[in-house]
Amino acid sequence: MFKPATAFTPIRPRPLTDIEFCAWIGQAVPGDRLEYHRGFLGIDTTAVISTLAEPERRRLGALASAAYRAFDAALIHLVQVRVGPDRFAYLAIARTKPRNAPIPFSQLIVTEEAA
């Protein structure tokens, strides 16, 4: 069930990493929502104009790349909601997992042992 746009999961006290984001995708069920950034992503990830420290900017760039790859693989919807002037909440909304997803290796081993 889709939640109204005003109900956001608060941003974490510690910024999310790309690995944590991928872990969330792996366990999310369709309709789950995650706010992965709040700000202006295009500016915040650009070296020349970002006000973020270099390690933070690189972390955010890796997170944004992971989000785009997950979108490209049809695992999530990407949504941005304006929360103020030049400020957005960037949301990932889990989609139904594609049917043509590869079978994990661990599942193949179990299948082979059972045969």
Foldseek 3Di string as FASTA:
>chain_A
DADDPVDADDADPDADALVNVVVCLVPDDARDKHQRDKAQLVQCLDVVRHPDDPVVSVRSVRNVVSLVVCVVQVQWDWDWDDPDVRIIGIMTGGHHHDPPDDDDPVVVVVVVVVD
